[in-house]
Structures are given as C-alpha cells and as structure tokens.
Amino acid sequence: MKRLTGAAIAVALVPGAMASAQDLDELTLQLKWVTQAQFAGYYVAKDEGFYEEAGLDVTIRPGGPDIAPTQVLAGGGADVVVEWMPAALAARERGLPLVNIAQPFAESGMMLTCLEETGVESPDDFPGRTLGVWFFGNEYPFLSWMSQLEIPTDGGEEGVEVLKQGFNVDPLLQGQADCISTMTYNEYWQIIDAGISEDQLVTFKYEDRGVATLEDGLYVTEETLAEDGMKDALARFVAASMRGWDWAEENPDAAAEIVLENDATGAQTEKHQKRMMREIAKLTEGSDGSLDPEAFQRTVDTLLAGGSDPVITEDPGDAAWTHEITDMALE
C-alpha cells in the first residue's frame, strides 16, 4: 500500500471530496469467487466513486475454483480478502495470522439441497446417502455438522458418501448425489432454472440447523494491520464498502448491472445476477460491517465440534477478530 498522505486523510474527512490520482492510497481486494452479485457492494463502491472519495485506489481481483484467498494473502497478492470464517480460522491455526476486520454478511446462505423423490426428509435420512460437498475450505461447515450429528463421512450404511462436488449442480441433476451443496443466492436457483420446481426440493439451511458459520468476512494479516497508516486506510475501505452494500441493497437491479459491467468473462446473465442480488441483500440486511461476537463464537464452537477430526483444535479467542476498524469506520 502507498503510504498515507495528508491530502488522502483530508479527503476521508470531507464528505463528497475527491482526491487526485496521486493522492490515492492503493489497496488490493481478493474476492472469494468469480465476479457476481455476491460481491456487489465492492463493485458498487468502486464504480460509484465511493473508494475514490475515501482517498483509495482499490483493485478488485476476482476469485475462482483454483484460487484460495488465504494463499493469495499469504503470498502478498492482496491486502484484504473476502473469505469464509472456517477457512480463515483453519489457516490461522496453520500459521497464517488472519484477523477479521469486518463482517458485511450477517447470515449464512449455505444449504444442503435434496430432491424430494430421494426420500430425504430430515437429517435422520442422511445415512447411506451420497452428499455433494464443496472443498477448498468450503467443506468445514459440512464436516462439523456431520460430526455433531454423529454421522461418519467415510461411507457405509451408517455414514454418508461424500462426493467432491464441483462448483455446479450437475451431481443432483444427473443422479450422482441425493443432496448437494447450494447457496441461497446461486446454485439453488440454477437447479430451478434447470426445470426442477421448488416443491420438488428439500432444503436444509445451515442457519436454521444452528451450525451456520460466518461467510464473506473481510480479513487481513496481523502484519498488515500493524503497518503505519494501514488501520486508517482499512477503516476508510470498510466505510466505503459498507456504503456500497447499502447502495446495492437499495438499488438491487442497478447493482446487478454494475456487476455485469465488471464481469470480464461475460459468463453471467442479467436474470441470474438480479435475482442473486436480491437474495444477497437478505444476508447483508441490517449489517453495519461489525462482527457479532456471538456469531463468531458460534462459528468457533461449530468448528471445534469435529470429533476426532475437528476443523480447528483450539479457540483462537479475540485475537482472530477486531472491532477497531469498524469502530473507526463508523465514527
């Protein structure tokens, strides 16, 4: 990051002020996944000039199936990453000192979705079934849930067969799995678009099962947080980002259009992104970016409940998160 200048700090204090290019402090944000409405708040903040008004030049890097945000951060490829807390805490326990500085997503959108015709009506019906699960860090909530249910994940009549699911819904559509991982704002609707009606599906929301873990938080390393002037820059970044999220919630269709304009692949569709934005707004609604300590502890407790193979082995405590940045952003 460029060192903060007096002009940049002044810009952050004057509403509507615009910094010149040479006064902007540079930050790079690594997203967890590809360009889509899941990250609308950041694209809105950039395209609507909220970052620039805050004295920042923010580069947004899309993610993908082979991109692990924590690895990008460890390699110095980003200043801030969007990551799910299970992956972040697992990385922290392995030696990467990640700190949650903000939590725009107040609720989890993760579900397990099953075809009604399979006969799965409750978790009691899971044993003997094949369940599709995402990996690359996304498997942690599922494994913790199965551990709490005391259902083995190595197959057999008493356990479940775990299918390493790609980031699509093919295993359900092709009969390879009884249930698959979906998000309320994405894959679930891909199933609907494939011609399966909602009444033909049975869903299990992690949030409703008491095993939801926090998703899409903003993380930096302890070293980054300790750099001169970085806390100020991060506070301005969080404030501008939450301004972007508020704007996106109030203007979902326009926010989706901004996302589409930033999709270099051209793979996203207007219908899907507008629908996704409305679902995402349900997860960010009411959030000012501050992490809820109770939700943090619920996530930790869920991850520790892994039996002989827990996601994390020790409670990381308050060192894994801070309110300092959001407190500064809200001043």
Protein backbone atom coordinates (compact mmCIF):
# COMPACT_ATOMS: atom_id res chain seq x y z
CA MET A 1 0.00 0.00 0.00
CA LYS A 2 1.18 3.53 -0.73
CA ARG A 3 1.93 5.47 2.44
CA LEU A 4 -0.89 7.76 3.53
CA THR A 5 -0.60 11.40 2.60
CA GLY A 6 -2.08 14.38 4.36
CA ALA A 7 -4.28 15.01 1.35
CA ALA A 8 -5.66 11.49 1.42
CA ILE A 9 -6.55 11.76 5.09
CA ALA A 10 -8.22 15.11 4.45
CA VAL A 11 -10.29 13.60 1.66
CA ALA A 12 -11.62 10.94 4.02
CA LEU A 13 -12.82 13.68 6.38
CA VAL A 14 -14.60 15.83 3.81
CA PRO A 15 -17.87 14.34 2.51
CA GLY A 16 -18.03 14.34 -1.27
CA ALA A 17 -14.39 15.37 -1.65
CA MET A 18 -12.44 13.75 -4.47
CA ALA A 19 -8.72 13.05 -4.33
CA SER A 20 -6.39 13.39 -7.24
CA ALA A 21 -4.88 10.19 -8.60
CA GLN A 22 -1.50 10.75 -6.98
CA ASP A 23 -3.11 11.19 -3.54
CA LEU A 24 -4.98 7.88 -3.56
CA ASP A 25 -3.79 5.07 -1.33
CA GLU A 26 -3.70 1.71 -3.08
CA LEU A 27 -5.40 -1.40 -1.73
CA THR A 28 -5.97 -4.75 -3.41
CA LEU A 29 -9.04 -6.83 -2.55
CA GLN A 30 -9.10 -10.55 -3.39
CA LEU A 31 -12.60 -11.97 -3.77
CA LYS A 32 -13.53 -15.50 -2.74
CA TRP A 33 -15.21 -16.32 -6.04
CA VAL A 34 -15.83 -15.06 -9.55
CA THR A 35 -17.38 -11.69 -10.31
CA GLN A 36 -21.04 -11.91 -9.28
CA ALA A 37 -23.60 -10.14 -7.09
CA GLN A 38 -22.16 -11.89 -4.04
CA PHE A 39 -19.57 -9.08 -4.14
CA ALA A 40 -21.80 -6.29 -5.43
CA GLY A 41 -21.02 -3.90 -2.57
CA TYR A 42 -17.35 -3.71 -3.54
CA TYR A 43 -18.00 -3.20 -7.25
CA VAL A 44 -20.60 -0.54 -6.44
CA ALA A 45 -18.16 1.24 -4.12
CA LYS A 46 -15.56 1.30 -6.87
CA ASP A 47 -17.82 2.22 -9.80
CA GLU A 48 -19.83 4.83 -7.89
CA GLY A 49 -16.64 6.51 -6.71
CA PHE A 50 -17.04 5.74 -3.01
CA TYR A 51 -13.50 4.41 -2.72
CA GLU A 52 -12.05 7.38 -4.54
CA GLU A 53 -13.98 9.76 -2.31
CA ALA A 54 -12.39 7.95 0.62
CA GLY A 55 -8.92 8.55 -0.83
CA LEU A 56 -8.45 4.99 -2.06
CA ASP A 57 -7.50 3.32 -5.32
CA VAL A 58 -8.92 -0.19 -4.87
CA THR A 59 -8.09 -3.06 -7.21
CA ILE A 60 -10.65 -5.88 -7.10
CA ARG A 61 -9.37 -9.31 -8.10
CA PRO A 62 -11.97 -11.99 -8.89
CA GLY A 63 -11.53 -15.45 -7.45
CA GLY A 64 -12.23 -18.84 -8.97
CA PRO A 65 -12.19 -22.59 -8.33
CA ASP A 66 -8.40 -22.72 -8.16
CA ILE A 67 -7.89 -19.54 -6.13
CA ALA A 68 -7.69 -19.72 -2.33
CA PRO A 69 -7.90 -16.19 -0.88
CA THR A 70 -5.82 -17.14 2.15
CA GLN A 71 -2.99 -18.34 -0.10
CA VAL A 72 -3.17 -15.13 -2.11
CA LEU A 73 -2.90 -13.13 1.10
CA ALA A 74 -0.01 -15.25 2.37
CA GLY A 75 1.82 -14.68 -0.91
CA GLY A 76 1.39 -10.91 -0.75
CA GLY A 77 -1.01 -10.79 -3.69
CA ALA A 78 -3.65 -8.81 -1.80
CA ASP A 79 -4.07 -6.53 1.21
CA VAL A 80 -7.58 -7.69 2.08
CA VAL A 81 -9.51 -10.84 1.21
CA VAL A 82 -13.14 -11.91 1.27
CA GLU A 83 -13.20 -15.32 2.95
CA TRP A 84 -15.46 -17.63 4.92
CA MET A 85 -14.54 -17.82 8.58
CA PRO A 86 -13.98 -21.62 8.70
CA ALA A 87 -11.24 -21.36 6.08
CA ALA A 88 -9.82 -18.25 7.73
CA LEU A 89 -9.62 -19.81 11.19
CA ALA A 90 -8.18 -23.03 9.80
CA ALA A 91 -5.50 -21.02 8.02
CA ARG A 92 -4.82 -19.06 11.19
CA GLU A 93 -4.29 -22.24 13.17
CA ARG A 94 -1.86 -23.41 10.49
CA GLY A 95 0.23 -20.29 10.99
CA LEU A 96 -1.24 -17.52 8.82
CA PRO A 97 -2.26 -14.84 11.36
CA LEU A 98 -5.56 -13.74 9.81
CA VAL A 99 -7.76 -11.16 11.52
CA ASN A 100 -11.40 -10.43 10.71
CA ILE A 101 -11.73 -6.64 10.41
CA ALA A 102 -15.36 -6.53 9.22
CA GLN A 103 -18.34 -8.82 8.63
CA PRO A 104 -20.72 -7.43 5.97
CA PHE A 105 -22.65 -10.74 5.77
CA ALA A 106 -24.76 -11.12 8.91
CA GLU A 107 -26.20 -14.52 7.97
CA SER A 108 -25.13 -17.65 6.14
CA GLY A 109 -26.55 -18.57 2.74
CA MET A 110 -25.31 -22.15 2.75
CA MET A 111 -27.73 -25.06 2.31
CA LEU A 112 -27.87 -28.74 1.51
CA THR A 113 -30.47 -29.27 -1.21
CA CYS A 114 -32.04 -32.66 -1.96
CA LEU A 115 -34.51 -33.99 -4.49
CA GLU A 116 -37.76 -34.86 -2.73
CA GLU A 117 -38.01 -38.07 -4.77
CA THR A 118 -34.95 -39.46 -2.98
CA GLY A 119 -36.97 -39.69 0.22
CA VAL A 120 -34.67 -37.47 2.25
CA GLU A 121 -36.91 -35.54 4.63
CA SER A 122 -34.63 -34.90 7.61
CA PRO A 123 -31.00 -35.41 8.68
CA ASP A 124 -32.08 -38.80 10.02
CA ASP A 125 -32.32 -39.87 6.38
CA PHE A 126 -28.70 -38.93 5.55
CA PRO A 127 -27.02 -42.25 6.45
CA GLY A 128 -26.47 -44.38 3.38
CA ARG A 129 -26.81 -41.39 1.08
CA THR A 130 -24.37 -39.63 -1.22
CA LEU A 131 -23.97 -35.95 -0.44
CA GLY A 132 -22.21 -33.43 -2.66
CA VAL A 133 -19.78 -31.21 -0.80
CA TRP A 134 -17.57 -28.35 -1.94
CA PHE A 135 -13.96 -28.44 -0.86
CA PHE A 136 -11.17 -25.79 -0.96
CA GLY A 137 -12.17 -24.77 2.58
CA ASN A 138 -15.92 -24.90 1.99
CA GLU A 139 -16.19 -28.41 3.42
CA TYR A 140 -15.58 -27.34 7.01
CA PRO A 141 -19.16 -26.40 7.98
CA PHE A 142 -20.46 -29.64 6.47
CA LEU A 143 -17.91 -31.82 8.27
CA SER A 144 -18.67 -30.10 11.57
CA TRP A 145 -22.40 -30.61 11.06
CA MET A 146 -21.96 -34.32 10.30
CA SER A 147 -19.75 -34.67 13.37
CA GLN A 148 -22.43 -33.10 15.56
CA LEU A 149 -24.98 -35.50 14.04
CA GLU A 150 -22.51 -38.35 14.72
CA ILE A 151 -22.73 -39.42 11.08
CA PRO A 152 -19.45 -40.80 9.66
CA THR A 153 -18.33 -39.29 6.36
CA ASP A 154 -16.47 -42.33 5.06
CA GLY A 155 -19.46 -44.12 3.58
CA GLY A 156 -21.25 -47.27 4.68
CA GLU A 157 -24.83 -47.83 5.79
CA GLU A 158 -24.42 -45.73 8.92
CA GLY A 159 -22.45 -42.98 7.24
CA VAL A 160 -22.61 -40.77 4.18
CA GLU A 161 -20.63 -41.00 0.98
CA VAL A 162 -19.10 -37.60 0.33
CA LEU A 163 -18.94 -36.63 -3.32
CA LYS A 164 -16.35 -33.95 -4.00
CA GLN A 165 -18.68 -31.56 -5.75
CA GLY A 166 -17.63 -29.20 -8.49
CA PHE A 167 -18.99 -25.70 -8.41
CA ASN A 168 -22.14 -26.66 -10.28
CA VAL A 169 -25.37 -28.60 -9.71
CA ASP A 170 -24.69 -31.48 -12.11
CA PRO A 171 -24.45 -34.21 -9.42
CA LEU A 172 -28.07 -33.59 -8.43
CA LEU A 173 -29.38 -33.24 -11.96
CA GLN A 174 -27.53 -36.35 -13.15
CA GLY A 175 -28.49 -38.50 -10.15
CA GLN A 176 -24.94 -38.81 -8.83
CA ALA A 177 -25.90 -37.45 -5.40
CA ASP A 178 -29.03 -37.40 -3.25
CA CYS A 179 -28.22 -33.92 -1.96
CA ILE A 180 -25.72 -31.24 -2.94
CA SER A 181 -24.29 -28.07 -1.50
CA THR A 182 -26.02 -24.90 -2.64
CA MET A 183 -26.16 -21.24 -1.71
CA THR A 184 -29.48 -19.46 -1.29
CA TYR A 185 -28.38 -16.92 -3.86
CA ASN A 186 -26.73 -19.07 -6.51
CA GLU A 187 -26.77 -22.83 -7.05
CA TYR A 188 -30.28 -23.31 -5.66
CA TRP A 189 -31.60 -21.15 -8.48
CA GLN A 190 -29.50 -23.00 -11.01
CA ILE A 191 -31.50 -26.10 -10.07
CA ILE A 192 -34.75 -24.18 -10.54
CA ASP A 193 -33.56 -22.88 -13.90
CA ALA A 194 -32.83 -26.48 -14.92
CA GLY A 195 -36.57 -27.18 -14.75
CA ILE A 196 -36.99 -28.55 -11.23
CA SER A 197 -39.70 -26.80 -9.21
CA GLU A 198 -39.23 -25.65 -5.63
CA ASP A 199 -41.80 -28.16 -4.35
CA GLN A 200 -39.63 -30.95 -5.75
CA LEU A 201 -36.78 -29.94 -3.47
CA VAL A 202 -36.00 -30.34 0.22
CA THR A 203 -33.54 -27.85 1.69
CA PHE A 204 -31.57 -27.75 4.93
CA LYS A 205 -30.27 -24.30 5.77
CA TYR A 206 -27.19 -24.33 7.96
CA GLU A 207 -28.52 -21.17 9.64
CA ASP A 208 -31.69 -23.00 10.71
CA ARG A 209 -29.72 -26.01 11.97
CA GLY A 210 -27.65 -23.97 14.39
CA VAL A 211 -24.41 -24.89 12.64
CA ALA A 212 -24.07 -21.90 10.33
CA THR A 213 -20.63 -20.39 10.16
CA LEU A 214 -19.84 -16.83 9.15
CA GLU A 215 -19.29 -16.20 5.45
CA ASP A 216 -17.78 -13.43 3.34
CA GLY A 217 -15.91 -11.56 6.04
CA LEU A 218 -13.03 -9.18 5.35
CA TYR A 219 -9.62 -10.41 6.53
CA VAL A 220 -6.08 -9.07 6.72
CA THR A 221 -2.94 -10.36 8.37
CA GLU A 222 -1.69 -9.13 11.71
CA GLU A 223 1.38 -7.78 9.90
CA THR A 224 -0.75 -5.73 7.52
CA LEU A 225 -2.80 -4.39 10.40
CA ALA A 226 0.39 -3.23 12.12
CA GLU A 227 1.73 -1.26 9.13
CA ASP A 228 1.93 2.51 9.54
CA GLY A 229 -1.29 4.16 8.45
CA MET A 230 -2.95 0.91 7.45
CA LYS A 231 -5.68 0.98 10.09
CA ASP A 232 -6.80 4.36 8.79
CA ALA A 233 -6.82 3.11 5.20
CA LEU A 234 -8.70 -0.05 6.14
CA ALA A 235 -11.28 1.96 8.09
CA ARG A 236 -11.88 4.12 5.01
CA PHE A 237 -12.08 0.99 2.90
CA VAL A 238 -14.66 -0.62 5.19
CA ALA A 239 -16.73 2.58 5.41
CA ALA A 240 -16.79 2.95 1.62
CA SER A 241 -17.53 -0.76 1.14
CA MET A 242 -20.49 -0.67 3.53
CA ARG A 243 -21.71 2.41 1.71
CA GLY A 244 -21.54 0.29 -1.43
CA TRP A 245 -23.52 -2.51 0.23
CA ASP A 246 -26.20 -0.08 1.43
CA TRP A 247 -26.48 1.31 -2.10
CA ALA A 248 -26.72 -2.20 -3.55
CA GLU A 249 -29.48 -3.17 -1.14
CA GLU A 250 -31.47 -0.07 -2.08
CA ASN A 251 -30.79 -0.43 -5.82
CA PRO A 252 -30.54 -4.19 -6.46
CA ASP A 253 -31.14 -4.09 -10.22
CA ALA A 254 -28.67 -1.26 -10.76
CA ALA A 255 -26.13 -3.04 -8.54
CA ALA A 256 -26.53 -6.19 -10.63
CA GLU A 257 -25.90 -4.15 -13.77
CA ILE A 258 -22.66 -2.84 -12.26
CA VAL A 259 -21.60 -6.40 -11.51
CA LEU A 260 -22.32 -7.41 -15.10
CA GLU A 261 -20.25 -4.50 -16.39
CA ASN A 262 -17.31 -5.77 -14.34
CA ASP A 263 -17.64 -9.40 -15.45
CA ALA A 264 -14.77 -9.75 -17.90
CA THR A 265 -15.78 -13.33 -18.72
CA GLY A 266 -19.25 -12.43 -19.95
CA ALA A 267 -20.49 -15.63 -18.29
CA GLN A 268 -23.06 -14.04 -16.01
CA THR A 269 -26.65 -13.32 -17.06
CA GLU A 270 -28.82 -10.37 -16.15
CA LYS A 271 -31.65 -12.55 -14.81
CA HIS A 272 -29.40 -14.56 -12.53
CA GLN A 273 -27.46 -11.58 -11.19
CA LYS A 274 -30.56 -9.54 -10.41
CA ARG A 275 -32.09 -12.48 -8.58
CA MET A 276 -28.80 -13.15 -6.80
CA MET A 277 -28.56 -9.55 -5.66
CA ARG A 278 -31.98 -9.72 -4.03
CA GLU A 279 -31.00 -12.90 -2.18
CA ILE A 280 -27.66 -11.44 -1.12
CA ALA A 281 -29.44 -8.39 0.28
CA LYS A 282 -31.20 -10.70 2.75
CA LEU A 283 -27.81 -11.77 4.12
CA THR A 284 -26.32 -8.27 4.43
CA GLU A 285 -29.52 -6.56 5.64
CA GLY A 286 -29.01 -4.61 8.84
CA SER A 287 -25.24 -5.11 8.91
CA ASP A 288 -23.02 -2.11 9.59
CA GLY A 289 -19.95 -4.26 9.00
CA SER A 290 -19.31 -5.04 12.66
CA LEU A 291 -18.67 -8.65 13.63
CA ASP A 292 -21.21 -10.10 16.07
CA PRO A 293 -19.11 -11.73 18.84
CA GLU A 294 -21.86 -14.30 19.47
CA ALA A 295 -21.88 -15.33 15.80
CA PHE A 296 -18.10 -15.59 15.96
CA GLN A 297 -18.28 -17.86 18.98
CA ARG A 298 -20.99 -19.98 17.36
CA THR A 299 -18.72 -20.44 14.37
CA VAL A 300 -15.79 -21.40 16.59
CA ASP A 301 -17.88 -23.85 18.61
CA THR A 302 -19.19 -25.44 15.40
CA LEU A 303 -15.68 -25.86 14.04
CA LEU A 304 -14.36 -27.31 17.28
CA ALA A 305 -17.13 -29.92 17.28
CA GLY A 306 -15.32 -32.14 14.85
CA GLY A 307 -14.85 -35.22 16.99
CA SER A 308 -11.52 -36.85 16.19
CA ASP A 309 -11.00 -34.55 13.21
CA PRO A 310 -12.10 -31.02 14.16
CA VAL A 311 -11.61 -28.11 11.78
CA ILE A 312 -9.68 -26.25 14.47
CA THR A 313 -8.30 -27.68 17.70
CA GLU A 314 -8.23 -24.53 19.86
CA ASP A 315 -10.45 -21.50 20.34
CA PRO A 316 -8.49 -18.64 18.74
CA GLY A 317 -10.12 -16.10 21.03
CA ASP A 318 -10.32 -12.36 20.46
CA ALA A 319 -7.01 -12.33 18.56
CA ALA A 320 -8.82 -13.58 15.45
CA TRP A 321 -11.03 -10.51 15.11
CA THR A 322 -11.17 -6.82 15.91
CA HIS A 323 -13.80 -4.10 16.14
CA GLU A 324 -11.16 -1.40 15.88
CA ILE A 325 -11.52 -0.96 12.12
CA THR A 326 -15.33 -0.93 12.05
CA ASP A 327 -15.41 1.40 15.07
CA MET A 328 -13.17 3.83 13.15
CA ALA A 329 -15.28 3.39 10.02
CA LEU A 330 -18.49 4.20 11.88
CA GLU A 331 -17.16 7.37 13.53
